[in-house]
Protein backbone atom coordinates (compact mmCIF):
# COMPACT_ATOMS: atom_id res chain seq x y z
CA MET A 1 -50.65 30.74 -37.38
CA HIS A 2 -48.43 32.55 -39.82
CA ASP A 3 -47.64 35.27 -37.34
CA LEU A 4 -46.56 32.69 -34.78
CA PHE A 5 -44.20 30.96 -37.58
CA SER A 6 -42.87 34.47 -38.72
CA GLN A 7 -42.02 35.31 -35.07
CA PHE A 8 -40.46 32.03 -34.43
CA ILE A 9 -38.13 32.43 -37.50
CA ASP A 10 -37.39 36.10 -36.60
CA ASP A 11 -36.17 35.25 -33.00
CA GLU A 12 -32.56 35.46 -32.56
CA ARG A 13 -32.36 35.52 -28.97
CA GLY A 14 -30.90 31.98 -28.91
CA LEU A 15 -27.94 32.92 -31.33
CA ALA A 16 -25.60 34.07 -28.79
CA ALA A 17 -25.78 31.42 -26.70
CA GLU A 18 -25.40 29.00 -29.54
CA PHE A 19 -22.30 30.85 -30.87
CA ALA A 20 -20.85 30.64 -27.21
CA LEU A 21 -21.58 26.99 -27.16
CA VAL A 22 -19.96 26.37 -30.62
CA VAL A 23 -17.02 28.75 -30.73
CA PRO A 24 -14.84 27.01 -27.94
CA LEU A 25 -15.04 23.55 -29.80
CA LEU A 26 -14.38 25.31 -33.11
CA LEU A 27 -11.11 27.17 -31.49
CA LEU A 28 -10.11 23.74 -30.08
CA PHE A 29 -10.64 22.04 -33.64
CA VAL A 30 -8.87 24.78 -35.44
CA LEU A 31 -6.02 25.07 -32.75
CA GLY A 32 -5.71 21.12 -32.90
CA THR A 33 -5.46 21.01 -36.41
CA ILE A 34 -2.69 23.53 -36.19
CA ASP A 35 -0.91 21.47 -33.46
CA VAL A 36 -0.87 18.31 -35.56
CA GLY A 37 0.49 20.19 -38.51
CA LEU A 38 3.25 21.75 -36.50
CA TYR A 39 4.22 18.27 -35.03
CA ALA A 40 4.42 16.65 -38.57
CA TYR A 41 6.59 19.49 -39.65
CA ARG A 42 8.84 19.09 -36.48
CA ILE A 43 9.31 15.59 -37.30
CA ASN A 44 10.07 16.63 -40.83
CA GLN A 45 12.62 18.87 -39.51
CA ALA A 46 14.25 16.37 -37.00
CA GLU A 47 14.65 13.76 -39.97
CA LYS A 48 16.39 16.17 -42.57
CA ALA A 49 18.59 17.21 -39.77
CA THR A 50 19.49 13.74 -38.83
CA GLN A 51 20.02 13.17 -42.59
CA ILE A 52 22.30 16.17 -42.91
CA GLY A 53 24.00 15.53 -39.78
CA ALA A 54 24.96 11.80 -41.09
CA ARG A 55 26.16 13.34 -44.38
CA TRP A 56 28.23 15.77 -42.44
CA ALA A 57 29.74 13.23 -40.25
CA THR A 58 30.83 11.02 -43.26
CA VAL A 59 32.72 13.75 -45.07
CA THR A 60 34.53 15.66 -42.21
CA ASP A 61 36.88 14.81 -39.46
CA PRO A 62 35.66 12.31 -37.14
CA LEU A 63 34.61 12.96 -33.49
CA ALA A 64 37.15 10.30 -32.19
CA GLU A 65 40.51 11.58 -33.85
CA GLU A 66 41.81 7.98 -33.80
CA ILE A 67 39.47 6.89 -36.62
CA LEU A 68 41.45 9.06 -38.87
CA THR A 69 44.82 8.42 -37.65
CA THR A 70 45.00 4.63 -36.97
CA THR A 71 46.85 2.32 -38.97
CA TYR A 72 45.71 -0.91 -39.51
CA THR A 73 48.93 -2.40 -41.66
CA ASN A 74 49.95 -5.69 -39.66
CA VAL A 75 47.32 -5.50 -37.19
CA THR A 76 45.63 -8.98 -36.10
CA VAL A 77 41.77 -8.93 -36.46
CA ASP A 78 39.80 -12.15 -35.54
CA GLY A 79 43.16 -14.22 -35.66
CA VAL A 80 44.07 -12.89 -39.14
CA GLN A 81 46.92 -10.14 -39.68
CA ILE A 82 46.14 -7.45 -41.98
CA ILE A 83 48.84 -7.07 -44.57
CA GLN A 84 49.37 -3.57 -46.27
CA GLY A 85 46.75 -2.79 -49.05
CA GLU A 86 44.33 -5.46 -47.80
CA ARG A 87 40.69 -4.73 -47.00
CA ILE A 88 40.05 -3.97 -43.52
CA PRO A 89 37.25 -6.35 -41.96
CA ALA A 90 34.20 -5.25 -40.06
CA GLY A 91 35.48 -6.92 -36.88
CA ALA A 92 38.40 -4.25 -36.72
CA LEU A 93 35.98 -1.74 -35.15
CA GLY A 94 33.29 -2.64 -32.61
CA LEU A 95 31.15 0.12 -31.64
CA LEU A 96 32.54 3.95 -30.68
CA THR A 97 29.79 6.14 -29.21
CA CYS A 98 30.27 9.82 -29.18
CA THR A 99 28.12 12.44 -27.54
CA ASN A 100 28.45 15.96 -26.96
CA THR A 101 31.10 15.68 -24.30
CA SER A 102 33.16 12.36 -25.02
CA CYS A 103 33.58 9.35 -26.80
CA THR A 104 33.40 5.80 -25.44
CA CYS A 105 34.16 2.41 -26.48
CA THR A 106 30.88 0.54 -26.34
CA THR A 107 31.80 -2.70 -27.82
CA ALA A 108 35.71 -3.37 -28.43
CA PRO A 109 37.80 -3.16 -30.03
CA CYS A 110 38.17 0.40 -30.77
CA PRO A 111 41.19 2.57 -32.06
CA GLY A 112 40.80 5.21 -29.36
CA THR A 113 38.46 7.65 -27.54
CA THR A 114 40.13 11.20 -28.24
CA PHE A 115 37.35 13.41 -28.50
CA ASP A 116 37.45 16.24 -31.21
CA SER A 117 35.23 18.97 -29.55
CA GLY A 118 35.68 21.54 -32.47
CA ALA A 119 34.44 18.67 -34.93
CA PHE A 120 31.29 18.06 -32.82
CA LYS A 121 30.75 21.80 -32.84
CA LEU A 122 30.62 22.02 -36.19
CA LEU A 123 28.19 18.98 -36.73
CA SER A 124 26.05 20.38 -34.04
CA ASP A 125 26.00 23.72 -35.86
CA ARG A 126 24.89 22.26 -38.99
CA MET A 127 22.42 20.39 -37.61
CA LYS A 128 20.73 23.30 -35.83
CA ARG A 129 20.60 24.97 -39.14
CA ILE A 130 17.65 22.75 -39.99
CA LEU A 131 16.26 22.49 -36.48
CA PRO A 132 17.15 25.17 -34.04
CA ALA A 133 15.45 23.50 -31.14
CA ILE A 134 18.08 20.84 -31.22
CA LYS A 135 20.52 20.66 -27.99
CA ASP A 136 24.02 19.38 -28.13
CA ASP A 137 23.04 16.44 -25.57
CA ASN A 138 20.46 15.53 -28.18
CA ILE A 139 22.92 14.22 -30.63
CA VAL A 140 24.88 10.97 -30.54
CA VAL A 141 27.24 9.76 -33.10
CA GLU A 142 28.16 6.20 -33.62
CA TYR A 143 30.96 4.51 -35.53
CA ARG A 144 30.68 0.76 -36.46
CA GLY A 145 33.14 -1.51 -38.80
CA SER A 146 31.81 -1.84 -42.22
CA GLY A 147 34.33 -4.09 -43.73
CA LEU A 148 35.50 -1.22 -45.95
CA GLY A 149 38.90 0.58 -46.30
CA PHE A 150 42.23 -0.93 -46.87
CA ALA A 151 45.52 -0.94 -44.60
CA GLY A 152 47.88 1.48 -45.37
CA ASN A 153 45.62 4.32 -47.22
CA PRO A 154 47.97 7.09 -48.41
CA THR A 155 45.33 9.54 -48.91
CA GLY A 156 43.11 9.16 -45.57
CA ALA A 157 41.67 6.90 -42.89
CA ASP A 158 42.80 3.28 -43.27
CA ILE A 159 39.27 2.19 -42.07
CA SER A 160 35.71 3.57 -43.48
CA PRO A 161 33.21 2.87 -40.72
CA LEU A 162 29.51 2.77 -40.72
CA ILE A 163 28.45 6.08 -39.21
CA THR A 164 25.18 6.51 -37.42
CA VAL A 165 23.81 9.96 -36.40
CA ARG A 166 20.93 9.65 -33.97
CA LEU A 167 18.55 12.64 -32.64
CA GLN A 168 16.88 11.68 -29.36
CA ASP A 169 15.08 12.93 -26.18
CA MET A 170 13.35 15.62 -28.49
CA ALA A 171 9.78 17.14 -27.49
CA HIS A 172 7.43 19.27 -29.32
CA GLN A 173 5.61 21.93 -27.26
CA SER A 174 1.86 21.94 -27.70
CA VAL A 175 -0.09 24.92 -28.91
CA VAL A 176 -3.25 23.86 -27.41
CA LEU A 177 -1.85 22.83 -24.25
CA SER A 178 1.11 25.28 -24.04
CA PRO A 179 -0.34 27.30 -21.27
CA LEU A 180 -0.16 24.05 -19.20
CA GLY A 181 3.40 23.30 -20.08
CA VAL A 182 2.34 20.03 -22.09
CA SER A 183 4.62 18.93 -24.38
CA THR A 184 4.75 15.80 -26.86
CA ASP A 185 7.89 13.63 -27.05
CA LEU A 186 9.06 13.23 -30.65
CA PRO A 187 10.48 9.78 -31.51
CA ASP A 188 14.03 9.08 -31.82
CA PHE A 189 15.74 9.70 -35.12
CA ALA A 190 18.81 7.69 -36.81
CA TYR A 191 20.33 7.96 -40.25
CA SER A 192 23.44 6.02 -41.33
CA LEU A 193 26.04 6.29 -44.03
CA THR A 194 29.56 4.70 -44.74
CA ALA A 195 32.40 7.35 -43.86
CA GLU A 196 33.82 8.80 -47.20
CA ASP A 197 37.02 10.97 -46.97
CA SER A 198 36.66 11.64 -43.20
CA SER A 199 38.81 14.61 -43.39
CA GLY A 200 38.12 18.49 -43.43
CA SER A 201 35.47 20.58 -41.64
CA ILE A 202 33.07 21.49 -44.26
CA SER A 203 30.32 19.56 -46.49
CA ASN A 204 28.32 20.17 -49.52
């Protein structure tokens, strides 16, 4: 009986089969853990890139040139004429949406839609320093009335719009399923700040 038990303990013929069964599951678990970690890291990168993009957009030249150049002195908004030095109401600007190719007036009124491609490139390059996978068509910048700014501002733009930078249609390439070309969509990201000086080509 003792010899039979010893033979059972010393028998290693089943180890190879057990190892072959366990290794694929172990690899799948390890790669899956790495995949989840990379996905979370990619989300963090995208969030930070959006925040940095919003900060950049508030202190550098606007993508729509008229944001910087339009004067609101003696302009009528919601039936009320704005006098020199008065606060500009939120209704003075509807929704101005800028992509990598143009600016469009999504909701009137808008001061104009002249697109500054140089300002967009600077914004895009700054965001790509945080997340290189960003493409220009993933970036959308929106300008809305905020109720800030005053007519006839002698040192900069009259209006101080609320600026929202959006990062959308991004995807994460799966490590586990990459041989099959499978990717996972990332959520859309948005971050809003009120415009500051809105002039220049660099931000801290």
